[in-house]
Amino acid sequence: MRLSQAGTATVIIRSTSGRGSTANQYDVPAGQSILDGLRWIGQPSNQAWVALVNGVTEDMQYILQPGDTVHLLPQIAGGYK
């Protein structure tokens, strides 16, 4: 995939564990989907995520724009039987 040199977007991946939460921040080239951005930084793409782009929920196919800030939160499933 050839990406334009139009700029970067910031992807912040939040994760939780029994010891609290952590966040890792990456700069990825704009012009690709959030899902492709995950692949670009070497993160597994089969995780279910909730994506907030500049504070708005977006699909993982959203095309990153220069200056976007993406917060990825693990999707939590729950309920009762």
N, C-alpha and C. Protein backbone atom coordinates (compact mmCIF):
# COMPACT_ATOMS: atom_id res chain seq x y z
N MET A 1 0.85 -1.18 0.00
CA MET A 1 0.00 0.00 0.00
C MET A 1 0.89 1.23 0.00
N ARG A 2 0.66 2.14 -0.91
CA ARG A 2 1.42 3.39 -0.95
C ARG A 2 0.61 4.46 -0.25
N LEU A 3 1.23 5.10 0.73
CA LEU A 3 0.56 6.13 1.50
C LEU A 3 1.14 7.48 1.14
N SER A 4 0.29 8.48 1.14
CA SER A 4 0.75 9.82 0.83
C SER A 4 1.55 10.36 2.01
N GLN A 5 2.35 11.34 1.73
CA GLN A 5 3.13 12.00 2.77
C GLN A 5 2.35 13.18 3.35
N ALA A 6 1.04 13.04 3.43
CA ALA A 6 0.17 14.13 3.83
C ALA A 6 0.21 14.40 5.34
N GLY A 7 0.84 13.54 6.11
CA GLY A 7 0.89 13.74 7.54
C GLY A 7 0.62 12.47 8.30
N THR A 8 0.47 12.63 9.58
CA THR A 8 0.26 11.47 10.43
C THR A 8 -0.96 11.66 11.32
N ALA A 9 -1.41 10.54 11.84
CA ALA A 9 -2.46 10.51 12.85
C ALA A 9 -1.87 9.84 14.07
N THR A 10 -2.39 10.16 15.23
CA THR A 10 -1.94 9.56 16.47
C THR A 10 -2.93 8.49 16.88
N VAL A 11 -2.43 7.29 17.15
CA VAL A 11 -3.27 6.18 17.61
C VAL A 11 -2.84 5.85 19.03
N ILE A 12 -3.80 5.89 19.94
CA ILE A 12 -3.55 5.57 21.34
C ILE A 12 -4.32 4.30 21.65
N ILE A 13 -3.59 3.25 21.99
CA ILE A 13 -4.21 1.97 22.29
C ILE A 13 -4.25 1.79 23.80
N ARG A 14 -5.45 1.66 24.32
CA ARG A 14 -5.62 1.46 25.76
C ARG A 14 -5.94 0.00 26.02
N SER A 15 -5.35 -0.52 27.06
CA SER A 15 -5.64 -1.90 27.44
C SER A 15 -5.80 -1.96 28.95
N THR A 16 -6.51 -2.95 29.39
CA THR A 16 -6.72 -3.14 30.82
C THR A 16 -6.28 -4.54 31.20
N SER A 17 -5.86 -4.66 32.41
CA SER A 17 -5.50 -5.96 32.95
C SER A 17 -5.87 -5.94 34.43
N GLY A 18 -5.57 -7.01 35.12
CA GLY A 18 -5.86 -7.06 36.54
C GLY A 18 -5.10 -6.03 37.35
N ARG A 19 -4.07 -5.43 36.74
CA ARG A 19 -3.23 -4.46 37.45
C ARG A 19 -3.55 -3.01 37.07
N GLY A 20 -4.59 -2.78 36.33
CA GLY A 20 -4.93 -1.42 35.93
C GLY A 20 -4.95 -1.28 34.43
N SER A 21 -4.79 -0.05 33.96
CA SER A 21 -4.83 0.17 32.52
C SER A 21 -3.52 0.80 32.06
N THR A 22 -3.21 0.58 30.80
CA THR A 22 -2.03 1.16 30.18
C THR A 22 -2.44 1.78 28.86
N ALA A 23 -1.59 2.66 28.35
CA ALA A 23 -1.84 3.27 27.05
C ALA A 23 -0.52 3.35 26.29
N ASN A 24 -0.55 2.96 25.03
CA ASN A 24 0.61 3.09 24.15
C ASN A 24 0.21 4.00 23.00
N GLN A 25 1.11 4.90 22.63
CA GLN A 25 0.83 5.90 21.60
C GLN A 25 1.74 5.68 20.40
N TYR A 26 1.15 5.77 19.19
CA TYR A 26 1.87 5.57 17.95
C TYR A 26 1.48 6.66 16.96
N ASP A 27 2.42 7.08 16.14
CA ASP A 27 2.13 7.95 15.01
C ASP A 27 2.10 7.07 13.76
N VAL A 28 1.01 7.14 13.02
CA VAL A 28 0.86 6.33 11.81
C VAL A 28 0.57 7.25 10.63
N PRO A 29 0.93 6.84 9.42
CA PRO A 29 0.65 7.67 8.25
C PRO A 29 -0.85 7.83 8.04
N ALA A 30 -1.26 9.04 7.72
CA ALA A 30 -2.65 9.30 7.35
C ALA A 30 -2.91 8.69 5.98
N GLY A 31 -4.19 8.57 5.62
CA GLY A 31 -4.56 8.05 4.32
C GLY A 31 -4.83 6.56 4.30
N GLN A 32 -4.85 5.93 5.46
CA GLN A 32 -5.16 4.51 5.56
C GLN A 32 -6.25 4.33 6.60
N SER A 33 -6.88 3.17 6.61
CA SER A 33 -7.93 2.92 7.60
C SER A 33 -7.31 2.71 8.98
N ILE A 34 -8.14 2.81 10.00
CA ILE A 34 -7.67 2.53 11.36
C ILE A 34 -7.14 1.10 11.41
N LEU A 35 -7.86 0.17 10.81
CA LEU A 35 -7.46 -1.23 10.80
C LEU A 35 -6.09 -1.40 10.13
N ASP A 36 -5.87 -0.74 9.00
CA ASP A 36 -4.57 -0.80 8.33
C ASP A 36 -3.48 -0.15 9.19
N GLY A 37 -3.84 0.90 9.91
CA GLY A 37 -2.89 1.53 10.83
C GLY A 37 -2.43 0.58 11.92
N LEU A 38 -3.36 -0.23 12.42
CA LEU A 38 -2.99 -1.25 13.41
C LEU A 38 -1.99 -2.23 12.82
N ARG A 39 -2.25 -2.67 11.60
CA ARG A 39 -1.33 -3.59 10.94
C ARG A 39 0.04 -2.92 10.72
N TRP A 40 0.03 -1.63 10.38
CA TRP A 40 1.26 -0.88 10.12
C TRP A 40 2.16 -0.86 11.34
N ILE A 41 1.56 -0.77 12.55
CA ILE A 41 2.37 -0.75 13.78
C ILE A 41 2.59 -2.15 14.35
N GLY A 42 2.07 -3.17 13.66
CA GLY A 42 2.32 -4.54 14.09
C GLY A 42 1.40 -5.05 15.17
N GLN A 43 0.25 -4.43 15.34
CA GLN A 43 -0.72 -4.89 16.33
C GLN A 43 -1.66 -5.90 15.69
N PRO A 44 -2.08 -6.92 16.45
CA PRO A 44 -3.06 -7.86 15.90
C PRO A 44 -4.34 -7.13 15.52
N SER A 45 -4.88 -7.48 14.37
CA SER A 45 -6.08 -6.78 13.90
C SER A 45 -7.36 -7.57 14.19
N ASN A 46 -7.24 -8.70 14.89
CA ASN A 46 -8.43 -9.50 15.16
C ASN A 46 -9.08 -9.15 16.50
N GLN A 47 -8.53 -8.21 17.24
CA GLN A 47 -9.11 -7.74 18.50
C GLN A 47 -10.34 -6.89 18.20
N ALA A 48 -11.36 -7.01 19.01
CA ALA A 48 -12.54 -6.15 18.86
C ALA A 48 -12.27 -4.83 19.59
N TRP A 49 -12.31 -3.73 18.86
CA TRP A 49 -12.00 -2.41 19.41
C TRP A 49 -13.20 -1.47 19.27
N VAL A 50 -13.26 -0.51 20.16
CA VAL A 50 -14.12 0.66 20.00
C VAL A 50 -13.17 1.79 19.63
N ALA A 51 -13.43 2.46 18.51
CA ALA A 51 -12.55 3.52 18.03
C ALA A 51 -13.21 4.88 18.22
N LEU A 52 -12.51 5.76 18.91
CA LEU A 52 -12.95 7.15 19.06
C LEU A 52 -11.96 8.02 18.30
N VAL A 53 -12.44 8.68 17.25
CA VAL A 53 -11.60 9.56 16.45
C VAL A 53 -12.00 10.99 16.78
N ASN A 54 -11.08 11.71 17.37
CA ASN A 54 -11.34 13.09 17.79
C ASN A 54 -12.62 13.17 18.63
N GLY A 55 -12.83 12.14 19.47
CA GLY A 55 -13.96 12.11 20.39
C GLY A 55 -15.26 11.56 19.83
N VAL A 56 -15.25 11.11 18.57
CA VAL A 56 -16.45 10.59 17.92
C VAL A 56 -16.24 9.12 17.58
N THR A 57 -17.22 8.26 17.89
CA THR A 57 -17.12 6.85 17.56
C THR A 57 -17.10 6.67 16.05
N GLU A 58 -16.12 5.90 15.56
CA GLU A 58 -15.99 5.64 14.13
C GLU A 58 -15.78 4.16 13.89
N ASP A 59 -16.04 3.73 12.68
CA ASP A 59 -15.82 2.36 12.23
C ASP A 59 -14.32 2.14 12.03
N MET A 60 -13.87 0.89 12.10
CA MET A 60 -12.46 0.58 11.91
C MET A 60 -12.00 0.82 10.47
N GLN A 61 -12.94 1.04 9.55
CA GLN A 61 -12.60 1.34 8.16
C GLN A 61 -12.45 2.85 7.92
N TYR A 62 -12.63 3.66 8.97
CA TYR A 62 -12.46 5.11 8.86
C TYR A 62 -11.07 5.42 8.31
N ILE A 63 -10.98 6.32 7.33
CA ILE A 63 -9.70 6.70 6.75
C ILE A 63 -9.09 7.83 7.59
N LEU A 64 -7.90 7.55 8.11
CA LEU A 64 -7.22 8.50 8.98
C LEU A 64 -6.83 9.76 8.22
N GLN A 65 -7.08 10.90 8.86
CA GLN A 65 -6.74 12.20 8.30
C GLN A 65 -5.56 12.78 9.09
N PRO A 66 -4.74 13.63 8.47
CA PRO A 66 -3.64 14.24 9.21
C PRO A 66 -4.16 14.96 10.45
N GLY A 67 -3.51 14.72 11.57
CA GLY A 67 -3.88 15.37 12.82
C GLY A 67 -4.94 14.65 13.63
N ASP A 68 -5.55 13.58 13.09
CA ASP A 68 -6.53 12.81 13.86
C ASP A 68 -5.88 12.22 15.10
N THR A 69 -6.67 12.13 16.16
CA THR A 69 -6.27 11.39 17.35
C THR A 69 -7.28 10.28 17.54
N VAL A 70 -6.79 9.04 17.55
CA VAL A 70 -7.65 7.87 17.66
C VAL A 70 -7.37 7.19 19.00
N HIS A 71 -8.41 7.00 19.77
CA HIS A 71 -8.31 6.21 21.00
C HIS A 71 -8.97 4.87 20.72
N LEU A 72 -8.22 3.79 20.89
CA LEU A 72 -8.75 2.44 20.71
C LEU A 72 -8.91 1.80 22.09
N LEU A 73 -10.13 1.39 22.37
CA LEU A 73 -10.45 0.76 23.64
C LEU A 73 -10.92 -0.65 23.36
N PRO A 74 -10.49 -1.62 24.16
CA PRO A 74 -10.99 -2.98 23.94
C PRO A 74 -12.49 -3.04 24.14
N GLN A 75 -13.17 -3.67 23.21
CA GLN A 75 -14.61 -3.83 23.34
C GLN A 75 -14.90 -4.85 24.45
N ILE A 76 -15.79 -4.49 25.32
CA ILE A 76 -16.12 -5.36 26.45
C ILE A 76 -17.49 -5.94 26.23
N ALA A 77 -17.57 -7.25 26.28
CA ALA A 77 -18.86 -7.93 26.15
C ALA A 77 -19.27 -8.40 27.53
N GLY A 78 -20.52 -8.38 27.77
CA GLY A 78 -20.98 -8.82 29.08
C GLY A 78 -22.46 -9.12 29.03
N GLY A 79 -22.97 -9.44 30.16
CA GLY A 79 -24.38 -9.74 30.23
C GLY A 79 -24.61 -10.88 31.22
N TYR A 80 -25.71 -11.49 31.06
CA TYR A 80 -26.04 -12.60 31.96
C TYR A 80 -26.65 -13.73 31.15
N LYS A 81 -26.70 -14.89 31.75
CA LYS A 81 -27.26 -16.07 31.07
C LYS A 81 -28.67 -16.30 31.50
